[in-house]
């Protein structure tokens, strides 16, 4: 079952959005998600710097 997260501090870096939310155990997680059609890139990170670095270096491989 997907988590219902309330994201805050959302920024957009190219086609990738980075947001901060709390997971089900109360830990702060930072998520990077590509909004390009058919890309499918999304990852959770423990710190904001890692999520923003992933957003800056992401290259979509659209099929």
Protein backbone atom coordinates (compact mmCIF):
# COMPACT_ATOMS: atom_id res chain seq x y z
CA UNK A 1 0.00 0.00 0.00
CA UNK A 2 1.55 3.35 -0.98
CA UNK A 3 2.31 5.88 1.71
CA UNK A 4 0.25 9.07 1.87
CA UNK A 5 3.01 11.63 2.30
CA UNK A 6 2.73 15.37 2.75
CA UNK A 7 5.73 16.87 1.03
CA UNK A 8 7.20 20.18 2.04
CA UNK A 9 10.16 22.20 0.83
CA UNK A 10 9.59 21.06 -2.76
CA UNK A 11 11.98 22.38 -5.42
CA UNK A 12 12.22 21.66 -9.12
CA UNK A 13 15.59 21.02 -10.76
CA UNK A 14 14.99 20.51 -14.48
CA UNK A 15 12.35 17.79 -14.85
CA UNK A 16 13.09 16.41 -11.36
CA UNK A 17 11.24 17.48 -8.20
CA UNK A 18 12.86 17.11 -4.79
CA UNK A 19 10.69 17.10 -1.67
CA UNK A 20 10.96 16.36 2.05
CA UNK A 21 8.51 14.21 4.02
CA UNK A 22 8.36 11.87 6.99
CA UNK A 23 8.10 8.12 6.41
CA UNK A 24 5.83 5.77 8.37
CA UNK A 25 8.35 5.50 11.21
CA UNK A 26 8.77 9.24 11.73
CA UNK A 27 12.12 9.56 9.98
CA UNK A 28 12.74 12.45 7.63
CA UNK A 29 13.19 11.32 4.00
CA UNK A 30 14.04 13.30 0.89
CA UNK A 31 12.60 12.12 -2.41
CA UNK A 32 13.72 12.88 -5.96
CA UNK A 33 11.13 12.16 -8.69
CA UNK A 34 11.38 12.79 -12.44
CA UNK A 35 8.19 14.23 -13.92
CA UNK A 36 9.04 13.48 -17.55
CA UNK A 37 6.61 11.12 -19.33
CA UNK A 38 7.65 7.44 -19.25
CA UNK A 39 10.82 8.09 -17.23
CA UNK A 40 9.99 6.30 -13.97
CA UNK A 41 12.89 7.67 -11.90
CA UNK A 42 12.23 8.09 -8.18
CA UNK A 43 14.38 7.47 -5.11
CA UNK A 44 14.33 8.18 -1.38
CA UNK A 45 17.43 9.57 0.30
CA UNK A 46 18.44 10.15 3.91
CA UNK A 47 19.77 13.67 3.32
CA UNK A 48 18.77 16.60 1.14
CA UNK A 49 22.18 17.00 -0.49
CA UNK A 50 22.08 13.47 -1.94
CA UNK A 51 18.57 14.01 -3.34
CA UNK A 52 19.54 17.30 -4.99
CA UNK A 53 22.71 15.77 -6.42
CA UNK A 54 20.67 12.95 -7.93
CA UNK A 55 18.29 15.53 -9.41
CA UNK A 56 21.12 17.53 -10.96
CA UNK A 57 22.84 14.50 -12.49
CA UNK A 58 19.70 12.63 -13.66
CA UNK A 59 19.39 11.98 -17.39
CA UNK A 60 16.15 10.53 -18.70
CA UNK A 61 16.38 7.40 -20.82
CA UNK A 62 13.07 7.63 -22.63
CA UNK A 63 12.39 4.52 -24.66
